[in-house]
N, C-alpha and C. Protein backbone atom coordinates (compact mmCIF):
# COMPACT_ATOMS: atom_id res chain seq x y z
N MET A 1 -9.89 -19.72 -2.15
CA MET A 1 -8.88 -18.99 -1.39
C MET A 1 -9.54 -18.16 -0.29
N ALA A 2 -10.67 -17.52 -0.59
CA ALA A 2 -11.37 -16.73 0.43
C ALA A 2 -11.80 -17.61 1.60
N ARG A 3 -12.21 -18.82 1.31
CA ARG A 3 -12.62 -19.75 2.36
C ARG A 3 -11.47 -20.03 3.32
N ASP A 4 -10.24 -19.96 2.81
CA ASP A 4 -9.06 -20.18 3.64
C ASP A 4 -8.55 -18.91 4.31
N GLY A 5 -9.28 -17.80 4.14
CA GLY A 5 -8.92 -16.55 4.81
C GLY A 5 -8.06 -15.61 3.99
N CYS A 6 -7.87 -15.91 2.71
CA CYS A 6 -7.04 -15.06 1.87
C CYS A 6 -7.81 -13.81 1.43
N ASP A 7 -7.14 -12.67 1.48
CA ASP A 7 -7.69 -11.42 0.97
C ASP A 7 -7.12 -11.07 -0.39
N LEU A 8 -5.97 -11.63 -0.71
CA LEU A 8 -5.25 -11.26 -1.92
C LEU A 8 -4.54 -12.49 -2.47
N VAL A 9 -4.64 -12.67 -3.77
CA VAL A 9 -3.93 -13.75 -4.44
C VAL A 9 -3.07 -13.11 -5.52
N GLY A 10 -1.79 -13.40 -5.51
CA GLY A 10 -0.90 -12.79 -6.48
C GLY A 10 -0.18 -13.84 -7.32
N MET A 11 0.31 -13.38 -8.46
CA MET A 11 1.01 -14.28 -9.36
C MET A 11 2.40 -13.78 -9.69
N THR A 12 2.83 -12.65 -9.16
CA THR A 12 4.04 -12.02 -9.66
C THR A 12 5.29 -12.29 -8.85
N ALA A 13 5.23 -13.01 -7.74
CA ALA A 13 6.42 -13.21 -6.91
C ALA A 13 6.95 -14.64 -6.96
N MET A 14 6.44 -15.43 -7.81
CA MET A 14 6.91 -16.80 -7.91
C MET A 14 7.48 -17.02 -9.30
N PRO A 15 8.58 -17.67 -9.46
CA PRO A 15 9.33 -18.43 -8.46
C PRO A 15 10.40 -17.62 -7.74
N GLU A 16 10.44 -16.31 -7.96
CA GLU A 16 11.53 -15.51 -7.41
C GLU A 16 11.65 -15.62 -5.89
N ALA A 17 10.53 -15.57 -5.18
CA ALA A 17 10.58 -15.62 -3.72
C ALA A 17 11.14 -16.95 -3.24
N ALA A 18 10.69 -18.03 -3.83
CA ALA A 18 11.19 -19.35 -3.43
C ALA A 18 12.67 -19.50 -3.74
N LEU A 19 13.10 -19.02 -4.89
CA LEU A 19 14.52 -19.12 -5.25
C LEU A 19 15.39 -18.26 -4.33
N ALA A 20 14.91 -17.09 -3.97
CA ALA A 20 15.66 -16.24 -3.03
C ALA A 20 15.79 -16.93 -1.68
N ARG A 21 14.72 -17.56 -1.22
CA ARG A 21 14.76 -18.27 0.06
C ARG A 21 15.80 -19.40 0.02
N GLU A 22 15.84 -20.13 -1.09
CA GLU A 22 16.82 -21.23 -1.22
C GLU A 22 18.25 -20.73 -1.11
N ARG A 23 18.50 -19.51 -1.58
CA ARG A 23 19.86 -18.95 -1.57
C ARG A 23 20.10 -18.04 -0.36
N ASP A 24 19.16 -17.97 0.58
CA ASP A 24 19.26 -17.09 1.76
C ASP A 24 19.41 -15.63 1.37
N LEU A 25 18.73 -15.22 0.33
CA LEU A 25 18.75 -13.83 -0.12
C LEU A 25 17.52 -13.11 0.41
N GLY A 26 17.72 -11.87 0.84
CA GLY A 26 16.58 -11.05 1.20
C GLY A 26 15.74 -10.76 -0.03
N TYR A 27 14.44 -10.75 0.12
CA TYR A 27 13.56 -10.53 -1.03
C TYR A 27 12.32 -9.79 -0.56
N ALA A 28 11.96 -8.77 -1.29
CA ALA A 28 10.72 -8.05 -1.02
C ALA A 28 10.06 -7.73 -2.36
N THR A 29 8.78 -7.59 -2.33
CA THR A 29 8.08 -7.22 -3.56
C THR A 29 7.04 -6.15 -3.26
N LEU A 30 6.89 -5.25 -4.19
CA LEU A 30 5.80 -4.27 -4.17
C LEU A 30 4.91 -4.62 -5.35
N ALA A 31 3.66 -4.83 -5.09
CA ALA A 31 2.76 -5.26 -6.16
C ALA A 31 1.56 -4.33 -6.25
N PHE A 32 1.10 -4.17 -7.45
CA PHE A 32 -0.12 -3.41 -7.70
C PHE A 32 -1.31 -4.36 -7.63
N VAL A 33 -2.32 -4.03 -6.86
CA VAL A 33 -3.57 -4.78 -6.86
C VAL A 33 -4.49 -4.04 -7.82
N VAL A 34 -4.71 -4.64 -8.98
CA VAL A 34 -5.44 -3.91 -10.04
C VAL A 34 -6.69 -4.62 -10.51
N ASN A 35 -6.92 -5.83 -10.08
CA ASN A 35 -8.04 -6.60 -10.59
C ASN A 35 -8.65 -7.36 -9.42
N TRP A 36 -9.87 -7.06 -9.08
CA TRP A 36 -10.50 -7.65 -7.89
C TRP A 36 -10.95 -9.08 -8.14
N GLY A 37 -10.89 -9.56 -9.34
CA GLY A 37 -11.26 -10.95 -9.64
C GLY A 37 -12.71 -11.07 -10.05
N ALA A 38 -12.94 -11.96 -10.97
CA ALA A 38 -14.29 -12.19 -11.48
C ALA A 38 -15.21 -12.63 -10.35
N GLY A 39 -16.37 -12.01 -10.28
CA GLY A 39 -17.38 -12.38 -9.30
C GLY A 39 -17.22 -11.73 -7.94
N LEU A 40 -16.17 -10.96 -7.72
CA LEU A 40 -15.95 -10.33 -6.42
C LEU A 40 -16.45 -8.89 -6.38
N SER A 41 -16.96 -8.41 -7.46
CA SER A 41 -17.47 -7.04 -7.54
C SER A 41 -18.74 -7.06 -8.37
N ASP A 42 -19.60 -6.08 -8.12
CA ASP A 42 -20.82 -5.95 -8.92
C ASP A 42 -20.51 -5.40 -10.31
N GLU A 43 -19.34 -4.80 -10.47
CA GLU A 43 -18.97 -4.19 -11.74
C GLU A 43 -18.16 -5.16 -12.60
N ALA A 44 -18.28 -4.98 -13.90
CA ALA A 44 -17.49 -5.79 -14.83
C ALA A 44 -16.02 -5.37 -14.76
N ILE A 45 -15.13 -6.31 -14.99
CA ILE A 45 -13.70 -6.01 -15.05
C ILE A 45 -13.41 -5.48 -16.45
N THR A 46 -12.89 -4.26 -16.52
CA THR A 46 -12.57 -3.66 -17.82
C THR A 46 -11.12 -3.22 -17.83
N MET A 47 -10.54 -3.12 -18.99
CA MET A 47 -9.16 -2.63 -19.10
C MET A 47 -9.07 -1.18 -18.66
N ASP A 48 -10.12 -0.39 -18.88
CA ASP A 48 -10.10 1.00 -18.42
C ASP A 48 -9.99 1.06 -16.90
N ALA A 49 -10.75 0.22 -16.20
CA ALA A 49 -10.69 0.20 -14.74
C ALA A 49 -9.33 -0.29 -14.26
N ILE A 50 -8.79 -1.31 -14.91
CA ILE A 50 -7.48 -1.83 -14.54
C ILE A 50 -6.40 -0.78 -14.77
N ASN A 51 -6.44 -0.10 -15.90
CA ASN A 51 -5.44 0.94 -16.19
C ASN A 51 -5.54 2.10 -15.22
N ALA A 52 -6.74 2.48 -14.82
CA ALA A 52 -6.91 3.56 -13.84
C ALA A 52 -6.30 3.15 -12.50
N GLN A 53 -6.49 1.91 -12.10
CA GLN A 53 -5.92 1.42 -10.85
C GLN A 53 -4.40 1.37 -10.93
N ILE A 54 -3.86 0.99 -12.07
CA ILE A 54 -2.41 0.97 -12.26
C ILE A 54 -1.84 2.37 -12.07
N GLU A 55 -2.50 3.38 -12.63
CA GLU A 55 -2.03 4.76 -12.47
C GLU A 55 -2.04 5.18 -11.01
N ARG A 56 -3.11 4.85 -10.28
CA ARG A 56 -3.17 5.19 -8.85
C ARG A 56 -2.06 4.49 -8.08
N CYS A 57 -1.87 3.21 -8.34
CA CYS A 57 -0.83 2.45 -7.64
C CYS A 57 0.57 2.97 -7.98
N ALA A 58 0.80 3.30 -9.23
CA ALA A 58 2.11 3.78 -9.66
C ALA A 58 2.48 5.06 -8.93
N ASP A 59 1.53 5.95 -8.76
CA ASP A 59 1.79 7.19 -8.02
C ASP A 59 2.18 6.89 -6.58
N ASP A 60 1.43 6.02 -5.91
CA ASP A 60 1.72 5.68 -4.52
C ASP A 60 3.08 5.01 -4.38
N ILE A 61 3.36 4.05 -5.23
CA ILE A 61 4.63 3.33 -5.13
C ILE A 61 5.79 4.22 -5.53
N GLY A 62 5.59 5.11 -6.48
CA GLY A 62 6.63 6.07 -6.84
C GLY A 62 7.02 6.94 -5.65
N ARG A 63 6.02 7.42 -4.91
CA ARG A 63 6.30 8.22 -3.71
C ARG A 63 7.03 7.39 -2.65
N LEU A 64 6.60 6.16 -2.46
CA LEU A 64 7.26 5.29 -1.48
C LEU A 64 8.71 5.05 -1.84
N LEU A 65 8.98 4.72 -3.09
CA LEU A 65 10.36 4.47 -3.51
C LEU A 65 11.22 5.72 -3.39
N ALA A 66 10.68 6.88 -3.72
CA ALA A 66 11.44 8.13 -3.57
C ALA A 66 11.79 8.37 -2.10
N MET A 67 10.82 8.12 -1.21
CA MET A 67 11.07 8.30 0.22
C MET A 67 12.15 7.33 0.71
N LEU A 68 12.09 6.09 0.28
CA LEU A 68 13.09 5.11 0.69
C LEU A 68 14.47 5.46 0.15
N ALA A 69 14.54 5.95 -1.07
CA ALA A 69 15.82 6.36 -1.65
C ALA A 69 16.41 7.53 -0.87
N GLU A 70 15.58 8.49 -0.48
CA GLU A 70 16.06 9.62 0.31
C GLU A 70 16.59 9.15 1.66
N GLN A 71 15.86 8.25 2.32
CA GLN A 71 16.31 7.74 3.60
C GLN A 71 17.63 6.99 3.49
N ARG A 72 17.77 6.23 2.43
CA ARG A 72 19.00 5.44 2.23
C ARG A 72 20.19 6.35 1.95
N ALA A 73 19.94 7.47 1.27
CA ALA A 73 21.02 8.40 0.91
C ALA A 73 21.40 9.31 2.07
N ALA A 74 20.54 9.43 3.07
CA ALA A 74 20.81 10.33 4.19
C ALA A 74 21.99 9.80 4.99
N PRO A 75 22.88 10.72 5.42
CA PRO A 75 24.03 10.29 6.23
C PRO A 75 23.59 9.72 7.56
N VAL A 76 24.29 8.71 8.03
CA VAL A 76 24.00 8.10 9.31
C VAL A 76 24.76 8.85 10.39
N GLY A 77 24.10 9.07 11.51
CA GLY A 77 24.85 9.70 12.57
C GLY A 77 24.10 10.71 13.25
């Protein structure tokens, strides 16, 4: 995948994205990048490292979702 220019490979948006496209539905996903992949880091992949990354991502995405909810609730005009 890196040879083809990919920086990120995910597994969590399929088949949902394809099915949404078939039905002309808008679709977006927010994903946590928690595992750099075997051989891509000098460090071993551990559950402690993955869980720490999940906590960092959850905080960031929680703030983003709160901001979007506030914007959506704000009166237009």
